[in-house]
PDB file of N, CA and C in Angstrom:
ATOM      1  N   UNK A   1     -40.169  43.440 153.224  1.00  0.00           N
ATOM      2  CA  UNK A   1     -39.472  44.143 153.905  1.00  0.00           C
ATOM      3  C   UNK A   1     -40.186  44.111 155.443  1.00  0.00           C
ATOM      4  N   UNK A   2     -39.106  43.705 156.395  1.00  0.00           N
ATOM      5  CA  UNK A   2     -39.464  43.584 158.061  1.00  0.00           C
ATOM      6  C   UNK A   2     -38.704  44.964 158.793  1.00  0.00           C
ATOM      7  N   UNK A   3     -39.557  46.232 158.658  1.00  0.00           N
ATOM      8  CA  UNK A   3     -38.701  47.187 159.312  1.00  0.00           C
ATOM      9  C   UNK A   3     -38.336  47.564 160.748  1.00  0.00           C
ATOM     10  N   UNK A   4     -38.765  46.367 161.223  1.00  0.00           N
ATOM     11  CA  UNK A   4     -38.377  46.076 162.894  1.00  0.00           C
ATOM     12  C   UNK A   4     -36.984  45.768 162.629  1.00  0.00           C
ATOM     13  N   UNK A   5     -36.974  44.800 161.677  1.00  0.00           N
ATOM     14  CA  UNK A   5     -35.449  44.257 161.957  1.00  0.00           C
ATOM     15  C   UNK A   5     -34.424  44.781 160.791  1.00  0.00           C
ATOM     16  N   UNK A   6     -34.786  45.869 160.267  1.00  0.00           N
ATOM     17  CA  UNK A   6     -33.554  46.763 159.333  1.00  0.00           C
ATOM     18  C   UNK A   6     -33.824  48.119 160.198  1.00  0.00           C
ATOM     19  N   UNK A   7     -34.427  48.619 160.836  1.00  0.00           N
ATOM     20  CA  UNK A   7     -34.024  49.580 161.475  1.00  0.00           C
ATOM     21  C   UNK A   7     -32.731  49.825 162.808  1.00  0.00           C
ATOM     22  N   UNK A   8     -32.746  48.661 162.950  1.00  0.00           N
ATOM     23  CA  UNK A   8     -31.031  48.193 163.782  1.00  0.00           C
ATOM     24  C   UNK A   8     -30.102  48.324 163.063  1.00  0.00           C
ATOM     25  N   UNK A   9     -29.971  48.155 161.866  1.00  0.00           N
ATOM     26  CA  UNK A   9     -28.639  48.255 160.857  1.00  0.00           C
ATOM     27  C   UNK A   9     -28.705  49.914 160.419  1.00  0.00           C
ATOM     28  N   UNK A  10     -29.837  51.277 160.905  1.00  0.00           N
ATOM     29  CA  UNK A  10     -29.798  51.999 160.577  1.00  0.00           C
ATOM     30  C   UNK A  10     -30.262  53.193 161.617  1.00  0.00           C
ATOM     31  N   UNK A  11     -28.630  53.018 162.241  1.00  0.00           N
ATOM     32  CA  UNK A  11     -28.290  53.878 164.066  1.00  0.00           C
ATOM     33  C   UNK A  11     -28.469  55.431 163.542  1.00  0.00           C
ATOM     34  N   UNK A  12     -28.807  55.698 162.313  1.00  0.00           N
ATOM     35  CA  UNK A  12     -29.317  57.472 162.324  1.00  0.00           C
ATOM     36  C   UNK A  12     -30.179  57.757 162.323  1.00  0.00           C
ATOM     37  N   UNK A  13     -31.312  56.591 162.102  1.00  0.00           N
ATOM     38  CA  UNK A  13     -32.553  56.674 162.127  1.00  0.00           C
ATOM     39  C   UNK A  13     -33.319  56.601 163.956  1.00  0.00           C
ATOM     40  N   UNK A  14     -32.338  56.306 164.711  1.00  0.00           N
ATOM     41  CA  UNK A  14     -33.174  56.142 166.397  1.00  0.00           C
ATOM     42  C   UNK A  14     -33.278  57.267 167.347  1.00  0.00           C
ATOM     43  N   UNK A  15     -32.814  58.311 166.601  1.00  0.00           N
ATOM     44  CA  UNK A  15     -33.434  59.424 167.131  1.00  0.00           C
ATOM     45  C   UNK A  15     -35.015  59.761 166.740  1.00  0.00           C
ATOM     46  N   UNK A  16     -35.723  59.361 165.889  1.00  0.00           N
ATOM     47  CA  UNK A  16     -37.028  59.668 165.230  1.00  0.00           C
ATOM     48  C   UNK A  16     -37.851  58.601 165.828  1.00  0.00           C
ATOM     49  N   UNK A  17     -38.896  58.971 165.883  1.00  0.00           N
ATOM     50  CA  UNK A  17     -40.008  58.135 166.290  1.00  0.00           C
ATOM     51  C   UNK A  17     -40.032  57.028 164.904  1.00  0.00           C
ATOM     52  N   UNK A  18     -40.696  56.226 165.967  1.00  0.00           N
ATOM     53  CA  UNK A  18     -41.303  54.586 165.352  1.00  0.00           C
ATOM     54  C   UNK A  18     -42.062  54.837 164.344  1.00  0.00           C
ATOM     55  N   UNK A  19     -42.599  55.265 164.148  1.00  0.00           N
ATOM     56  CA  UNK A  19     -43.736  55.362 162.658  1.00  0.00           C
ATOM     57  C   UNK A  19     -43.050  56.327 161.370  1.00  0.00           C
ATOM     58  N   UNK A  20     -41.985  57.168 161.896  1.00  0.00           N
ATOM     59  CA  UNK A  20     -41.382  57.950 161.212  1.00  0.00           C
ATOM     60  C   UNK A  20     -40.437  57.062 160.672  1.00  0.00           C
ATOM     61  N   UNK A  21     -39.755  56.241 161.370  1.00  0.00           N
ATOM     62  CA  UNK A  21     -38.459  55.591 161.144  1.00  0.00           C
ATOM     63  C   UNK A  21     -38.762  54.702 160.120  1.00  0.00           C
ATOM     64  N   UNK A  22     -40.163  54.167 159.881  1.00  0.00           N
ATOM     65  CA  UNK A  22     -40.740  52.803 159.358  1.00  0.00           C
ATOM     66  C   UNK A  22     -41.409  54.010 157.803  1.00  0.00           C
ATOM     67  N   UNK A  23     -41.723  54.805 157.708  1.00  0.00           N
ATOM     68  CA  UNK A  23     -42.070  55.505 156.927  1.00  0.00           C
ATOM     69  C   UNK A  23     -41.107  55.891 156.105  1.00  0.00           C
ATOM     70  N   UNK A  24     -39.463  56.231 156.281  1.00  0.00           N
ATOM     71  CA  UNK A  24     -38.219  56.721 155.660  1.00  0.00           C
ATOM     72  C   UNK A  24     -38.064  55.421 155.181  1.00  0.00           C
ATOM     73  N   UNK A  25     -37.982  54.439 155.775  1.00  0.00           N
ATOM     74  CA  UNK A  25     -37.707  53.062 155.174  1.00  0.00           C
ATOM     75  C   UNK A  25     -38.213  52.410 154.268  1.00  0.00           C
ATOM     76  N   UNK A  26     -39.777  52.875 154.306  1.00  0.00           N
ATOM     77  CA  UNK A  26     -40.344  52.363 153.189  1.00  0.00           C
ATOM     78  C   UNK A  26     -40.469  53.130 151.611  1.00  0.00           C
ATOM     79  N   UNK A  27     -40.229  54.736 151.852  1.00  0.00           N
ATOM     80  CA  UNK A  27     -39.983  55.092 151.090  1.00  0.00           C
ATOM     81  C   UNK A  27     -38.456  55.215 150.291  1.00  0.00           C
ATOM     82  N   UNK A  28     -37.881  54.381 150.963  1.00  0.00           N
ATOM     83  CA  UNK A  28     -36.413  54.368 150.526  1.00  0.00           C
ATOM     84  C   UNK A  28     -36.568  53.233 149.782  1.00  0.00           C
ATOM     85  N   UNK A  29     -37.107  52.034 150.433  1.00  0.00           N
ATOM     86  CA  UNK A  29     -37.496  50.595 149.528  1.00  0.00           C
ATOM     87  C   UNK A  29     -38.255  50.741 148.547  1.00  0.00           C
ATOM     88  N   UNK A  30     -39.161  51.949 148.191  1.00  0.00           N
ATOM     89  CA  UNK A  30     -40.103  52.093 147.107  1.00  0.00           C
ATOM     90  C   UNK A  30     -38.874  52.280 145.847  1.00  0.00           C
ATOM     91  N   UNK A  31     -37.746  53.397 146.973  1.00  0.00           N
ATOM     92  CA  UNK A  31     -37.214  54.033 145.624  1.00  0.00           C
ATOM     93  C   UNK A  31     -35.658  52.987 145.487  1.00  0.00           C
ATOM     94  N   UNK A  32     -35.509  52.315 146.105  1.00  0.00           N
ATOM     95  CA  UNK A  32     -34.407  50.991 145.262  1.00  0.00           C
ATOM     96  C   UNK A  32     -35.321  50.082 144.857  1.00  0.00           C
ATOM     97  N   UNK A  33     -36.514  49.740 144.937  1.00  0.00           N
ATOM     98  CA  UNK A  33     -36.786  49.013 144.347  1.00  0.00           C
ATOM     99  C   UNK A  33     -38.180  49.574 142.931  1.00  0.00           C
ATOM    100  N   UNK A  34     -38.047  50.414 142.869  1.00  0.00           N
ATOM    101  CA  UNK A  34     -38.866  51.039 141.606  1.00  0.00           C
ATOM    102  C   UNK A  34     -38.402  50.941 140.362  1.00  0.00           C
ATOM    103  N   UNK A  35     -39.417  50.996 139.332  1.00  0.00           N
ATOM    104  CA  UNK A  35     -39.400  50.386 138.087  1.00  0.00           C
ATOM    105  C   UNK A  35     -37.774  51.338 137.619  1.00  0.00           C
ATOM    106  N   UNK A  36     -37.591  52.009 137.618  1.00  0.00           N
ATOM    107  CA  UNK A  36     -36.174  52.730 136.998  1.00  0.00           C
ATOM    108  C   UNK A  36     -35.197  52.063 137.194  1.00  0.00           C
ATOM    109  N   UNK A  37     -35.370  51.417 138.794  1.00  0.00           N
ATOM    110  CA  UNK A  37     -33.665  50.542 139.282  1.00  0.00           C
ATOM    111  C   UNK A  37     -33.996  49.193 138.817  1.00  0.00           C
ATOM    112  N   UNK A  38     -35.463  48.951 138.474  1.00  0.00           N
ATOM    113  CA  UNK A  38     -35.556  47.485 137.954  1.00  0.00           C
ATOM    114  C   UNK A  38     -34.254  46.942 137.360  1.00  0.00           C
ATOM    115  N   UNK A  39     -34.372  47.435 136.182  1.00  0.00           N
ATOM    116  CA  UNK A  39     -33.123  46.915 135.537  1.00  0.00           C
ATOM    117  C   UNK A  39     -31.372  46.172 135.741  1.00  0.00           C
ATOM    118  N   UNK A  40     -31.078  47.088 136.607  1.00  0.00           N
ATOM    119  CA  UNK A  40     -30.168  47.895 137.474  1.00  0.00           C
ATOM    120  C   UNK A  40     -29.923  46.757 138.588  1.00  0.00           C
ATOM    121  N   UNK A  41     -31.369  46.220 139.024  1.00  0.00           N
ATOM    122  CA  UNK A  41     -30.953  44.933 140.332  1.00  0.00           C
ATOM    123  C   UNK A  41     -30.755  43.834 139.828  1.00  0.00           C
ATOM    124  N   UNK A  42     -31.729  43.709 138.649  1.00  0.00           N
ATOM    125  CA  UNK A  42     -31.567  42.182 137.871  1.00  0.00           C
ATOM    126  C   UNK A  42     -30.019  42.170 137.459  1.00  0.00           C
ATOM    127  N   UNK A  43     -29.424  42.762 136.955  1.00  0.00           N
ATOM    128  CA  UNK A  43     -28.419  42.819 136.396  1.00  0.00           C
ATOM    129  C   UNK A  43     -27.576  42.109 137.233  1.00  0.00           C
ATOM    130  N   UNK A  44     -27.253  43.036 138.893  1.00  0.00           N
ATOM    131  CA  UNK A  44     -26.726  43.239 140.014  1.00  0.00           C
ATOM    132  C   UNK A  44     -26.578  41.655 140.606  1.00  0.00           C
ATOM    133  N   UNK A  45     -28.310  41.561 140.798  1.00  0.00           N
ATOM    134  CA  UNK A  45     -28.401  39.478 141.217  1.00  0.00           C
ATOM    135  C   UNK A  45     -28.156  38.725 140.207  1.00  0.00           C
ATOM    136  N   UNK A  46     -27.475  38.921 138.736  1.00  0.00           N
ATOM    137  CA  UNK A  46     -27.585  37.914 137.437  1.00  0.00           C
ATOM    138  C   UNK A  46     -26.277  38.313 137.844  1.00  0.00           C
ATOM    139  N   UNK A  47     -25.474  38.809 138.124  1.00  0.00           N
ATOM    140  CA  UNK A  47     -23.950  38.871 138.167  1.00  0.00           C
ATOM    141  C   UNK A  47     -23.563  38.551 139.362  1.00  0.00           C
ATOM    142  N   UNK A  48     -24.040  38.406 140.418  1.00  0.00           N
ATOM    143  CA  UNK A  48     -23.397  38.131 141.278  1.00  0.00           C
ATOM    144  C   UNK A  48     -23.656  36.714 141.392  1.00  0.00           C
ATOM    145  N   UNK A  49     -25.460  36.110 140.963  1.00  0.00           N
ATOM    146  CA  UNK A  49     -25.617  34.683 141.104  1.00  0.00           C
ATOM    147  C   UNK A  49     -24.207  33.940 139.952  1.00  0.00           C
ATOM    148  N   UNK A  50     -23.868  34.368 138.606  1.00  0.00           N
ATOM    149  CA  UNK A  50     -23.148  33.726 137.855  1.00  0.00           C
ATOM    150  C   UNK A  50     -21.648  34.029 138.575  1.00  0.00           C
ATOM    151  N   UNK A  51     -21.445  34.735 139.673  1.00  0.00           N
ATOM    152  CA  UNK A  51     -20.019  34.753 140.098  1.00  0.00           C
ATOM    153  C   UNK A  51     -20.063  33.678 140.909  1.00  0.00           C
ATOM    154  N   UNK A  52     -20.481  33.583 141.813  1.00  0.00           N
ATOM    155  CA  UNK A  52     -21.033  32.360 142.858  1.00  0.00           C
ATOM    156  C   UNK A  52     -20.814  31.621 142.367  1.00  0.00           C
ATOM    157  N   UNK A  53     -21.919  31.067 141.452  1.00  0.00           N
ATOM    158  CA  UNK A  53     -21.650  29.983 140.380  1.00  0.00           C
ATOM    159  C   UNK A  53     -20.031  29.188 139.831  1.00  0.00           C
ATOM    160  N   UNK A  54     -19.813  30.426 139.306  1.00  0.00           N
ATOM    161  CA  UNK A  54     -18.257  29.854 138.708  1.00  0.00           C
ATOM    162  C   UNK A  54     -17.333  29.573 140.011  1.00  0.00           C
ATOM    163  N   UNK A  55     -17.713  30.455 141.336  1.00  0.00           N
ATOM    164  CA  UNK A  55     -16.455  30.295 142.196  1.00  0.00           C
ATOM    165  C   UNK A  55     -16.562  28.877 142.739  1.00  0.00           C
ATOM    166  N   UNK A  56     -18.178  28.196 142.714  1.00  0.00           N
ATOM    167  CA  UNK A  56     -18.748  26.897 142.988  1.00  0.00           C
ATOM    168  C   UNK A  56     -18.179  25.918 142.564  1.00  0.00           C
ATOM    169  N   UNK A  57     -18.457  26.156 140.877  1.00  0.00           N
ATOM    170  CA  UNK A  57     -17.668  24.990 140.110  1.00  0.00           C
ATOM    171  C   UNK A  57     -16.078  24.803 140.086  1.00  0.00           C
ATOM    172  N   UNK A  58     -15.514  25.807 140.269  1.00  0.00           N
ATOM    173  CA  UNK A  58     -14.173  26.138 140.366  1.00  0.00           C
ATOM    174  C   UNK A  58     -13.843  25.478 141.595  1.00  0.00           C
ATOM    175  N   UNK A  59     -14.649  25.229 142.804  1.00  0.00           N
ATOM    176  CA  UNK A  59     -14.092  24.741 143.726  1.00  0.00           C
ATOM    177  C   UNK A  59     -14.385  22.980 143.654  1.00  0.00           C
ATOM    178  N   UNK A  60     -15.664  22.756 142.772  1.00  0.00           N
ATOM    179  CA  UNK A  60     -15.673  21.359 142.919  1.00  0.00           C
ATOM    180  C   UNK A  60     -14.915  20.717 141.893  1.00  0.00           C
ATOM    181  N   UNK A  61     -14.583  21.503 140.603  1.00  0.00           N
ATOM    182  CA  UNK A  61     -13.850  20.888 139.702  1.00  0.00           C
ATOM    183  C   UNK A  61     -12.085  20.924 140.122  1.00  0.00           C
ATOM    184  N   UNK A  62     -11.825  21.916 140.477  1.00  0.00           N
ATOM    185  CA  UNK A  62     -10.651  22.287 140.546  1.00  0.00           C
ATOM    186  C   UNK A  62      -9.819  21.925 142.182  1.00  0.00           C
ATOM    187  N   UNK A  63     -10.469  22.791 142.889  1.00  0.00           N
ATOM    188  CA  UNK A  63     -10.165  22.478 144.332  1.00  0.00           C
ATOM    189  C   UNK A  63     -10.219  21.260 145.382  1.00  0.00           C
ATOM    190  N   UNK A  64     -11.233  20.784 144.931  1.00  0.00           N
ATOM    191  CA  UNK A  64     -12.187  19.618 145.544  1.00  0.00           C
ATOM    192  C   UNK A  64     -11.199  18.469 145.410  1.00  0.00           C
ATOM    193  N   UNK A  65     -10.596  18.440 143.915  1.00  0.00           N
ATOM    194  CA  UNK A  65      -9.457  17.041 143.620  1.00  0.00           C
ATOM    195  C   UNK A  65      -7.926  17.239 143.976  1.00  0.00           C
ATOM    196  N   UNK A  66      -7.930  18.589 144.112  1.00  0.00           N
ATOM    197  CA  UNK A  66      -6.404  18.802 144.110  1.00  0.00           C
ATOM    198  C   UNK A  66      -6.088  18.849 145.653  1.00  0.00           C
ATOM    199  N   UNK A  67      -7.236  18.777 146.642  1.00  0.00           N
ATOM    200  CA  UNK A  67      -7.177  18.806 148.154  1.00  0.00           C
ATOM    201  C   UNK A  67      -7.700  17.553 148.439  1.00  0.00           C
ATOM    202  N   UNK A  68      -8.111  16.863 147.605  1.00  0.00           N
ATOM    203  CA  UNK A  68      -8.290  15.310 148.308  1.00  0.00           C
ATOM    204  C   UNK A  68      -9.781  14.942 148.583  1.00  0.00           C
ATOM    205  N   UNK A  69     -10.441  16.025 148.577  1.00  0.00           N
ATOM    206  CA  UNK A  69     -11.477  16.072 149.583  1.00  0.00           C
ATOM    207  C   UNK A  69     -12.964  15.420 148.817  1.00  0.00           C
ATOM    208  N   UNK A  70     -13.914  14.554 149.463  1.00  0.00           N
ATOM    209  CA  UNK A  70     -14.580  13.359 148.550  1.00  0.00           C
ATOM    210  C   UNK A  70     -15.744  14.590 148.261  1.00  0.00           C
ATOM    211  N   UNK A  71     -16.659  14.239 147.486  1.00  0.00           N
ATOM    212  CA  UNK A  71     -17.885  14.796 146.786  1.00  0.00           C
ATOM    213  C   UNK A  71     -18.847  15.254 147.712  1.00  0.00           C
ATOM    214  N   UNK A  72     -18.959  14.397 149.172  1.00  0.00           N
ATOM    215  CA  UNK A  72     -19.750  14.627 150.027  1.00  0.00           C
ATOM    216  C   UNK A  72     -19.215  16.058 151.158  1.00  0.00           C
ATOM    217  N   UNK A  73     -18.124  15.555 151.284  1.00  0.00           N
ATOM    218  CA  UNK A  73     -17.556  16.882 152.277  1.00  0.00           C
ATOM    219  C   UNK A  73     -17.561  18.087 151.342  1.00  0.00           C
ATOM    220  N   UNK A  74     -17.452  18.290 150.228  1.00  0.00           N
ATOM    221  CA  UNK A  74     -17.794  19.362 149.656  1.00  0.00           C
ATOM    222  C   UNK A  74     -18.995  20.058 148.977  1.00  0.00           C
ATOM    223  N   UNK A  75     -20.031  19.342 148.887  1.00  0.00           N
ATOM    224  CA  UNK A  75     -21.250  19.336 148.708  1.00  0.00           C
ATOM    225  C   UNK A  75     -21.346  19.948 150.543  1.00  0.00           C
ATOM    226  N   UNK A  76     -21.159  19.823 151.752  1.00  0.00           N
ATOM    227  CA  UNK A  76     -21.838  20.455 152.560  1.00  0.00           C
ATOM    228  C   UNK A  76     -20.645  21.241 153.095  1.00  0.00           C
ATOM    229  N   UNK A  77     -19.154  21.630 152.488  1.00  0.00           N
ATOM    230  CA  UNK A  77     -18.128  22.973 152.545  1.00  0.00           C
ATOM    231  C   UNK A  77     -19.646  24.155 152.012  1.00  0.00           C
ATOM    232  N   UNK A  78     -20.264  23.545 150.953  1.00  0.00           N
ATOM    233  CA  UNK A  78     -20.434  24.651 150.103  1.00  0.00           C
ATOM    234  C   UNK A  78     -21.856  24.853 150.482  1.00  0.00           C
ATOM    235  N   UNK A  79     -22.629  24.350 150.933  1.00  0.00           N
ATOM    236  CA  UNK A  79     -23.992  24.566 151.685  1.00  0.00           C
ATOM    237  C   UNK A  79     -23.679  25.067 153.243  1.00  0.00           C
ATOM    238  N   UNK A  80     -22.384  25.227 153.664  1.00  0.00           N
ATOM    239  CA  UNK A  80     -22.459  24.868 155.093  1.00  0.00           C
ATOM    240  C   UNK A  80     -21.698  26.399 154.984  1.00  0.00           C
ATOM    241  N   UNK A  81     -21.213  27.364 153.995  1.00  0.00           N
ATOM    242  CA  UNK A  81     -19.407  27.919 153.517  1.00  0.00           C
ATOM    243  C   UNK A  81     -20.426  28.977 152.671  1.00  0.00           C
ATOM    244  N   UNK A  82     -20.418  28.744 151.155  1.00  0.00           N
ATOM    245  CA  UNK A  82     -20.242  28.883 150.354  1.00  0.00           C
ATOM    246  C   UNK A  82     -22.193  29.873 150.338  1.00  0.00           C
ATOM    247  N   UNK A  83     -23.239  29.154 150.524  1.00  0.00           N
ATOM    248  CA  UNK A  83     -24.253  29.542 150.652  1.00  0.00           C
ATOM    249  C   UNK A  83     -24.402  30.557 151.657  1.00  0.00           C
ATOM    250  N   UNK A  84     -24.396  30.685 152.907  1.00  0.00           N
ATOM    251  CA  UNK A  84     -24.449  31.729 154.047  1.00  0.00           C
ATOM    252  C   UNK A  84     -23.742  32.534 153.422  1.00  0.00           C
ATOM    253  N   UNK A  85     -22.161  33.072 152.921  1.00  0.00           N
ATOM    254  CA  UNK A  85     -21.879  33.752 152.520  1.00  0.00           C
ATOM    255  C   UNK A  85     -22.019  35.013 151.672  1.00  0.00           C
ATOM    256  N   UNK A  86     -23.076  34.083 150.690  1.00  0.00           N
ATOM    257  CA  UNK A  86     -23.645  34.460 149.255  1.00  0.00           C
ATOM    258  C   UNK A  86     -24.708  35.721 149.473  1.00  0.00           C
ATOM    259  N   UNK A  87     -25.639  34.640 150.333  1.00  0.00           N
ATOM    260  CA  UNK A  87     -26.926  35.460 151.648  1.00  0.00           C
ATOM    261  C   UNK A  87     -26.028  36.957 152.172  1.00  0.00           C
ATOM    262  N   UNK A  88     -25.203  36.625 153.265  1.00  0.00           N
ATOM    263  CA  UNK A  88     -24.847  37.719 153.654  1.00  0.00           C
ATOM    264  C   UNK A  88     -24.154  38.823 153.130  1.00  0.00           C
ATOM    265  N   UNK A  89     -23.496  38.431 151.713  1.00  0.00           N
ATOM    266  CA  UNK A  89     -22.792  39.689 150.822  1.00  0.00           C
ATOM    267  C   UNK A  89     -24.273  40.148 150.367  1.00  0.00           C
ATOM    268  N   UNK A  90     -25.152  39.515 150.057  1.00  0.00           N
ATOM    269  CA  UNK A  90     -26.707  39.694 149.249  1.00  0.00           C
ATOM    270  C   UNK A  90     -27.278  40.589 150.255  1.00  0.00           C
ATOM    271  N   UNK A  91     -27.070  40.508 151.350  1.00  0.00           N
ATOM    272  CA  UNK A  91     -28.266  41.071 152.570  1.00  0.00           C
ATOM    273  C   UNK A  91     -27.905  42.502 153.017  1.00  0.00           C
ATOM    274  N   UNK A  92     -25.857  42.613 152.855  1.00  0.00           N
ATOM    275  CA  UNK A  92     -25.261  43.552 152.831  1.00  0.00           C
ATOM    276  C   UNK A  92     -25.214  44.594 151.662  1.00  0.00           C
ATOM    277  N   UNK A  93     -25.206  44.004 150.754  1.00  0.00           N
ATOM    278  CA  UNK A  93     -25.793  45.204 148.827  1.00  0.00           C
ATOM    279  C   UNK A  93     -27.128  45.406 149.661  1.00  0.00           C
ATOM    280  N   UNK A  94     -28.314  45.423 149.876  1.00  0.00           N
ATOM    281  CA  UNK A  94     -29.620  45.377 150.205  1.00  0.00           C
ATOM    282  C   UNK A  94     -29.566  46.737 151.107  1.00  0.00           C
ATOM    283  N   UNK A  95     -28.677  46.609 152.359  1.00  0.00           N
ATOM    284  CA  UNK A  95     -28.909  47.274 153.376  1.00  0.00           C
ATOM    285  C   UNK A  95     -28.000  48.531 152.769  1.00  0.00           C
ATOM    286  N   UNK A  96     -27.394  48.489 152.016  1.00  0.00           N
ATOM    287  CA  UNK A  96     -26.044  49.763 151.366  1.00  0.00           C
ATOM    288  C   UNK A  96     -26.657  50.458 150.548  1.00  0.00           C
ATOM    289  N   UNK A  97     -28.046  49.621 149.552  1.00  0.00           N
ATOM    290  CA  UNK A  97     -28.639  50.798 148.923  1.00  0.00           C
ATOM    291  C   UNK A  97     -29.946  51.366 149.530  1.00  0.00           C
ATOM    292  N   UNK A  98     -30.314  50.477 150.900  1.00  0.00           N
ATOM    293  CA  UNK A  98     -31.381  51.511 151.784  1.00  0.00           C
ATOM    294  C   UNK A  98     -30.167  52.360 152.126  1.00  0.00           C
ATOM    295  N   UNK A  99     -29.618  52.194 152.582  1.00  0.00           N
ATOM    296  CA  UNK A  99     -28.765  53.602 153.287  1.00  0.00           C
ATOM    297  C   UNK A  99     -28.673  54.802 152.475  1.00  0.00           C
ATOM    298  N   UNK A 100     -28.434  54.147 151.115  1.00  0.00           N
ATOM    299  CA  UNK A 100     -28.417  55.673 149.845  1.00  0.00           C
ATOM    300  C   UNK A 100     -29.199  55.987 149.625  1.00  0.00           C
ATOM    301  N   UNK A 101     -30.500  55.472 149.747  1.00  0.00           N
ATOM    302  CA  UNK A 101     -31.478  56.074 149.448  1.00  0.00           C
ATOM    303  C   UNK A 101     -32.164  57.310 150.541  1.00  0.00           C
ATOM    304  N   UNK A 102     -31.496  56.165 151.450  1.00  0.00           N
ATOM    305  CA  UNK A 102     -32.525  57.229 153.120  1.00  0.00           C
ATOM    306  C   UNK A 102     -31.615  58.036 152.884  1.00  0.00           C
ATOM    307  N   UNK A 103     -30.169  58.182 152.965  1.00  0.00           N
ATOM    308  CA  UNK A 103     -29.340  59.762 152.610  1.00  0.00           C
ATOM    309  C   UNK A 103     -30.239  60.891 151.495  1.00  0.00           C
ATOM    310  N   UNK A 104     -30.376  60.185 150.303  1.00  0.00           N
ATOM    311  CA  UNK A 104     -31.077  60.958 149.741  1.00  0.00           C
ATOM    312  C   UNK A 104     -32.115  61.433 149.613  1.00  0.00           C
ATOM    313  N   UNK A 105     -32.959  60.828 150.049  1.00  0.00           N
ATOM    314  CA  UNK A 105     -34.100  61.508 150.969  1.00  0.00           C
ATOM    315  C   UNK A 105     -33.982  62.398 151.799  1.00  0.00           C
ATOM    316  N   UNK A 106     -33.044  61.928 153.031  1.00  0.00           N
ATOM    317  CA  UNK A 106     -33.162  62.871 153.765  1.00  0.00           C
ATOM    318  C   UNK A 106     -32.198  64.062 153.454  1.00  0.00           C
ATOM    319  N   UNK A 107     -31.454  64.201 152.361  1.00  0.00           N
ATOM    320  CA  UNK A 107     -30.787  65.623 152.181  1.00  0.00           C
ATOM    321  C   UNK A 107     -31.868  66.670 151.484  1.00  0.00           C
TER     322      UNK A 107
END
């Protein structure tokens, strides 16, 4: 966890000193990724990975032949579109989990 990069996603912490921002983010991180939430996080990650894999298979087995795209082009599309979209969604989910934990801590 890089707190300097994460702080920009939490404008509600902007009025606090940097040490307090880091402490709150660290508490939220420990809360989100604690032992109690481990199975929930694993399940969520597995479901999203399975969904992404099935969408990629759908693209390769159904859409690629229907659109007449070459194998190389479809591989480039998956690498340049599907993979970054997956990473972006995972990052948004991670930030949402931290935000929910921060709200719980600050309440």
